[in-house]
Amino acid sequence: MRTIPVTVLITTANNPPDGMPYLQMKDPVMRTIAAKAALYYWVAQRIGQIVLADATGTNLLTEHEEAEIARSGTRLEQIKYEQAAEYVIKNGKGYGEGKLIEYAIDNSELLAREEYFFKCTGKAYVRNFPSIAANIKTYSILNLFWRYVGDGREMKLWADCRFYYTSKTFAKNHLLPAYFESDDSHAACEYYIYEALNRNMKVGTTVRPLITGYAGSTCEEYFDSSLGILDYKFPCWVTQRSDLLGISNGHSSTTVRHLIC
């Protein structure tokens, strides 16, 4: 079976600092179990490359587990750094994740050779990932982010930061500044990234990523039921290659949104 030739950056915090606000799943054992369960699902989907980045100075996998994954055909790289606990406690999880993504972009050997990557938070995976990856290739999509709607009963002014597709250039210029601006006591990173995406990307609709796993903030499973038509026409922000080249594709924005679905 062939691998899917993409790179996925998975962010983890296996051993979060004491006193971390808005975090219910604090037990390192449970966090490790949930993160490993999600990671092995990614591997089972035959992802070409995975960068596993941890912000708490620990490795999720043992050397034996790394070797086991290598035999599956997936190239996996583990990187880690010890985040400054006082800043993360003060500014929140979004700020901490932004610093981890910045570290991964600057230090990962796999990402050094790639301009585009998927990012997914640890303890989660995307069941329909192959379809999303195929759409990105078919329609020459360069950046793709989804709105956050929870279980469909509320529409906050948030972007979904659990899973997205981006270039390193877009991340450095727009995402990371939004992450660093966030402060959980005032507004979460999802709001600041929502604002950054509105300023720099066009809106559209696309297939909804079916995210499964656990939320560290609540220690509960993510909402995992159908949203009806939203499963196929979910609000998103998108950049296509033709946008950057200034090429008109001859379609109205409505048609472009339909093509992405």
Protein backbone atom coordinates (compact mmCIF):
# COMPACT_ATOMS: atom_id res chain seq x y z
CA MET A 1 0.00 0.00 0.00
CA ARG A 2 1.39 3.41 -0.98
CA THR A 3 1.80 6.20 1.53
CA ILE A 4 0.03 9.56 1.20
CA PRO A 5 2.87 11.94 0.20
CA VAL A 6 2.19 14.71 2.73
CA THR A 7 3.70 15.97 5.99
CA VAL A 8 1.66 16.22 9.18
CA LEU A 9 2.90 18.21 12.17
CA ILE A 10 1.40 16.84 15.39
CA THR A 11 1.73 19.08 18.45
CA THR A 12 1.75 17.62 21.95
CA ALA A 13 2.33 18.69 25.54
CA ASN A 14 2.83 15.35 27.25
CA ASN A 15 3.65 16.77 30.69
CA PRO A 16 2.04 20.22 31.05
CA PRO A 17 3.22 22.55 33.83
CA ASP A 18 1.36 22.75 37.13
CA GLY A 19 -1.11 25.60 37.27
CA MET A 20 -1.97 25.56 33.57
CA PRO A 21 -5.36 27.33 33.23
CA TYR A 22 -8.30 25.98 31.21
CA LEU A 23 -6.83 22.48 31.16
CA GLN A 24 -8.77 19.53 32.56
CA MET A 25 -6.68 16.64 31.18
CA LYS A 26 -3.58 17.13 33.33
CA ASP A 27 -2.51 13.54 34.01
CA PRO A 28 0.60 12.84 31.88
CA VAL A 29 -0.31 9.15 31.64
CA MET A 30 -3.75 9.82 30.18
CA ARG A 31 -2.37 12.52 27.88
CA THR A 32 0.27 10.09 26.60
CA ILE A 33 -2.26 7.31 26.04
CA ALA A 34 -4.63 9.61 24.14
CA ALA A 35 -1.80 11.06 22.03
CA LYS A 36 -0.40 7.63 21.14
CA ALA A 37 -3.84 6.35 20.16
CA ALA A 38 -4.30 9.26 17.76
CA LEU A 39 -0.77 8.99 16.38
CA TYR A 40 -1.15 5.33 15.49
CA TYR A 41 -4.33 6.14 13.58
CA TRP A 42 -2.36 8.64 11.51
CA VAL A 43 0.25 5.99 10.82
CA ALA A 44 -2.46 3.48 9.86
CA GLN A 45 -3.66 5.97 7.24
CA ARG A 46 -0.21 5.69 5.65
CA ILE A 47 0.87 9.31 6.07
CA GLY A 48 4.18 9.89 4.29
CA GLN A 49 5.86 12.02 6.96
CA ILE A 50 4.98 12.91 10.54
CA VAL A 51 6.72 15.48 12.70
CA LEU A 52 5.89 14.82 16.34
CA ALA A 53 6.68 17.95 18.33
CA ASP A 54 6.37 18.22 22.11
CA ALA A 55 6.54 21.43 24.13
CA THR A 56 7.31 19.88 27.52
CA GLY A 57 10.75 18.41 26.90
CA THR A 58 9.57 14.82 26.48
CA ASN A 59 9.28 12.28 23.68
CA LEU A 60 5.95 10.59 23.16
CA LEU A 61 7.45 7.41 21.66
CA THR A 62 10.15 5.01 22.80
CA GLU A 63 12.94 4.01 20.42
CA HIS A 64 11.21 0.66 19.89
CA GLU A 65 7.96 2.39 18.91
CA GLU A 66 9.82 4.73 16.55
CA ALA A 67 11.43 1.73 14.83
CA GLU A 68 8.05 0.01 14.59
CA ILE A 69 6.55 3.02 12.83
CA ALA A 70 9.55 3.28 10.50
CA ARG A 71 8.86 -0.28 9.32
CA SER A 72 5.32 0.77 8.40
CA GLY A 73 6.62 3.11 5.70
CA THR A 74 5.92 6.40 7.52
CA ARG A 75 8.91 8.65 8.16
CA LEU A 76 8.63 10.00 11.68
CA GLU A 77 10.68 12.68 13.42
CA GLN A 78 10.42 13.47 17.12
CA ILE A 79 11.49 16.91 18.31
CA LYS A 80 11.05 18.51 21.69
CA TYR A 81 11.80 21.62 23.68
CA GLU A 82 11.06 22.80 27.19
CA GLN A 83 8.58 25.65 26.98
CA ALA A 84 8.88 28.58 29.38
CA ALA A 85 6.17 27.53 31.82
CA GLU A 86 5.59 30.99 33.29
CA TYR A 87 4.75 32.50 29.89
CA VAL A 88 2.48 29.62 28.89
CA ILE A 89 0.63 29.73 32.21
CA LYS A 90 0.20 33.50 31.84
CA ASN A 91 -0.84 33.61 28.18
CA GLY A 92 -2.50 30.22 27.73
CA LYS A 93 -2.47 27.14 25.52
CA GLY A 94 -2.71 29.04 22.24
CA TYR A 95 0.43 31.01 22.96
CA GLY A 96 2.21 27.80 23.93
CA GLU A 97 1.14 26.02 20.76
CA GLY A 98 2.31 28.95 18.67
CA LYS A 99 5.77 28.77 20.23
CA LEU A 100 5.86 25.02 19.55
CA ILE A 101 4.89 25.45 15.90
CA GLU A 102 7.55 28.14 15.53
CA TYR A 103 10.12 25.78 17.07
CA ALA A 104 9.09 22.96 14.74
CA ILE A 105 9.35 25.14 11.63
CA ASP A 106 12.81 26.33 12.69
CA ASN A 107 14.21 22.98 13.86
CA SER A 108 12.51 20.05 12.12
CA GLU A 109 14.65 18.31 9.50
CA LEU A 110 11.55 17.09 7.65
CA LEU A 111 9.85 20.49 7.62
CA ALA A 112 13.09 22.09 6.42
CA ARG A 113 12.53 20.31 3.12
CA GLU A 114 8.80 21.09 2.85
CA GLU A 115 6.94 24.36 2.36
CA TYR A 116 3.45 22.99 3.05
CA PHE A 117 2.20 20.87 5.92
CA PHE A 118 -0.90 19.81 7.83
CA LYS A 119 -1.04 20.65 11.50
CA CYS A 120 -3.08 18.61 13.98
CA THR A 121 -3.23 18.91 17.72
CA GLY A 122 -2.18 15.84 19.68
CA LYS A 123 -4.86 13.43 20.95
CA ALA A 124 -6.85 13.89 17.72
CA TYR A 125 -6.95 12.52 14.19
CA VAL A 126 -9.03 13.12 11.05
CA ARG A 127 -11.01 10.13 9.80
CA ASN A 128 -11.54 11.48 6.28
CA PHE A 129 -8.00 12.79 5.87
CA PRO A 130 -7.28 10.96 2.56
CA SER A 131 -10.23 12.74 0.89
CA ILE A 132 -9.12 16.13 2.19
CA ALA A 133 -5.53 15.56 1.06
CA ALA A 134 -6.78 14.51 -2.39
CA ASN A 135 -8.90 17.67 -2.73
CA ILE A 136 -5.94 19.85 -1.81
CA LYS A 137 -3.88 18.27 -4.57
CA THR A 138 -6.66 18.33 -7.17
CA TYR A 139 -7.52 22.01 -6.69
CA SER A 140 -3.97 23.30 -6.04
CA ILE A 141 -4.87 24.54 -2.56
CA LEU A 142 -2.06 26.28 -0.70
CA ASN A 143 -3.73 27.09 2.61
CA LEU A 144 -6.97 25.74 4.09
CA PHE A 145 -8.59 26.49 7.44
CA TRP A 146 -12.05 25.71 8.82
CA ARG A 147 -14.48 27.66 11.00
CA TYR A 148 -15.07 26.42 14.52
CA VAL A 149 -18.72 25.51 15.13
CA GLY A 150 -18.49 22.95 17.94
CA ASP A 151 -21.54 20.72 17.80
CA GLY A 152 -23.32 23.06 15.39
CA ARG A 153 -25.33 24.97 17.99
CA GLU A 154 -23.04 27.98 18.10
CA MET A 155 -20.99 29.98 15.62
CA LYS A 156 -18.29 31.81 17.52
CA LEU A 157 -15.90 34.16 15.78
CA TRP A 158 -13.29 31.43 15.92
CA ALA A 159 -11.12 29.47 13.55
CA ASP A 160 -10.65 25.78 14.24
CA CYS A 161 -7.03 25.47 15.36
CA ARG A 162 -7.09 21.72 15.86
CA PHE A 163 -6.43 20.88 12.22
CA TYR A 164 -5.46 22.92 9.16
CA TYR A 165 -3.21 23.06 6.09
CA THR A 166 -0.69 25.85 5.66
CA SER A 167 2.57 26.96 4.15
CA LYS A 168 5.52 27.88 6.33
CA THR A 169 5.48 31.35 4.81
CA PHE A 170 1.81 31.94 5.72
CA ALA A 171 2.42 30.51 9.18
CA LYS A 172 5.35 32.85 9.84
CA ASN A 173 3.64 35.93 8.43
CA HIS A 174 0.11 35.51 9.78
CA LEU A 175 -0.49 32.49 12.02
CA LEU A 176 2.34 32.83 14.51
CA PRO A 177 1.69 36.54 15.20
CA ALA A 178 -1.95 35.65 15.89
CA TYR A 179 -0.95 32.83 18.25
CA PHE A 180 1.43 35.13 20.12
CA GLU A 181 -1.23 37.83 20.46
CA SER A 182 -3.61 35.45 22.20
CA ASP A 183 -4.29 35.57 25.91
CA ASP A 184 -6.73 32.99 27.27
CA SER A 185 -7.89 35.35 30.02
CA HIS A 186 -9.15 37.80 27.36
CA ALA A 187 -9.52 35.98 24.03
CA ALA A 188 -8.34 32.59 22.82
CA CYS A 189 -6.01 32.08 19.86
CA GLU A 190 -9.00 30.85 17.82
CA TYR A 191 -10.33 34.43 17.76
CA TYR A 192 -7.05 36.07 16.75
CA ILE A 193 -6.48 33.50 14.02
CA TYR A 194 -10.08 34.02 12.81
CA GLU A 195 -9.29 37.72 12.41
CA ALA A 196 -5.99 37.01 10.62
CA LEU A 197 -7.65 34.62 8.18
CA ASN A 198 -10.42 37.10 7.39
CA ARG A 199 -7.79 39.70 6.51
CA ASN A 200 -5.63 37.46 4.35
CA MET A 201 -7.73 34.72 2.74
CA LYS A 202 -10.98 34.27 0.83
CA VAL A 203 -13.92 32.42 2.31
CA GLY A 204 -15.51 29.31 0.88
CA THR A 205 -17.02 25.97 1.77
CA THR A 206 -15.51 22.53 1.72
CA VAL A 207 -15.77 19.05 3.20
CA ARG A 208 -15.73 19.11 6.99
CA PRO A 209 -12.76 17.34 8.61
CA LEU A 210 -14.12 14.55 10.80
CA ILE A 211 -11.97 15.14 13.87
CA THR A 212 -11.96 12.40 16.47
CA GLY A 213 -10.14 12.29 19.79
CA TYR A 214 -9.98 14.09 23.12
CA ALA A 215 -9.86 17.75 24.12
CA GLY A 216 -7.26 18.54 26.74
CA SER A 217 -9.23 21.59 27.85
CA THR A 218 -12.33 19.60 28.81
CA CYS A 219 -11.03 16.00 29.02
CA GLU A 220 -13.99 15.01 26.84
CA GLU A 221 -14.30 13.43 23.41
CA TYR A 222 -14.74 15.81 20.50
CA PHE A 223 -18.22 16.10 18.98
CA ASP A 224 -18.37 13.28 16.46
CA SER A 225 -21.82 13.28 14.85
CA SER A 226 -23.05 14.45 11.46
CA LEU A 227 -23.95 18.10 10.88
CA GLY A 228 -26.01 17.27 7.82
CA ILE A 229 -25.27 19.41 4.75
CA LEU A 230 -22.44 21.10 6.68
CA ASP A 231 -20.50 17.86 6.42
CA TYR A 232 -20.07 18.65 2.71
CA LYS A 233 -20.33 22.45 2.61
CA PHE A 234 -18.51 23.59 5.70
CA PRO A 235 -17.34 27.22 6.04
CA CYS A 236 -13.63 27.66 5.47
CA TRP A 237 -10.86 30.00 4.34
CA VAL A 238 -8.83 28.98 1.31
CA THR A 239 -5.93 30.09 -0.87
CA GLN A 240 -5.36 28.44 -4.25
CA ARG A 241 -2.29 28.66 -6.46
CA SER A 242 -4.22 30.74 -9.00
CA ASP A 243 -4.84 33.38 -6.31
CA LEU A 244 -1.12 34.01 -5.84
CA LEU A 245 -0.37 33.95 -9.56
CA GLY A 246 -3.14 36.40 -10.33
CA ILE A 247 -4.75 33.94 -12.74
CA SER A 248 -8.48 34.13 -13.30
CA ASN A 249 -10.07 30.70 -13.39
CA GLY A 250 -13.20 32.00 -15.05
CA HIS A 251 -15.45 30.96 -12.19
CA SER A 252 -17.44 33.05 -9.75
CA SER A 253 -16.62 32.69 -6.08
CA THR A 254 -19.71 30.49 -5.69
CA THR A 255 -18.40 28.08 -8.31
CA VAL A 256 -14.97 28.02 -6.75
CA ARG A 257 -16.53 27.11 -3.45
CA HIS A 258 -18.42 24.30 -5.14
CA LEU A 259 -15.28 22.93 -6.79
CA ILE A 260 -13.50 22.73 -3.45
CA CYS A 261 -16.25 20.60 -1.95
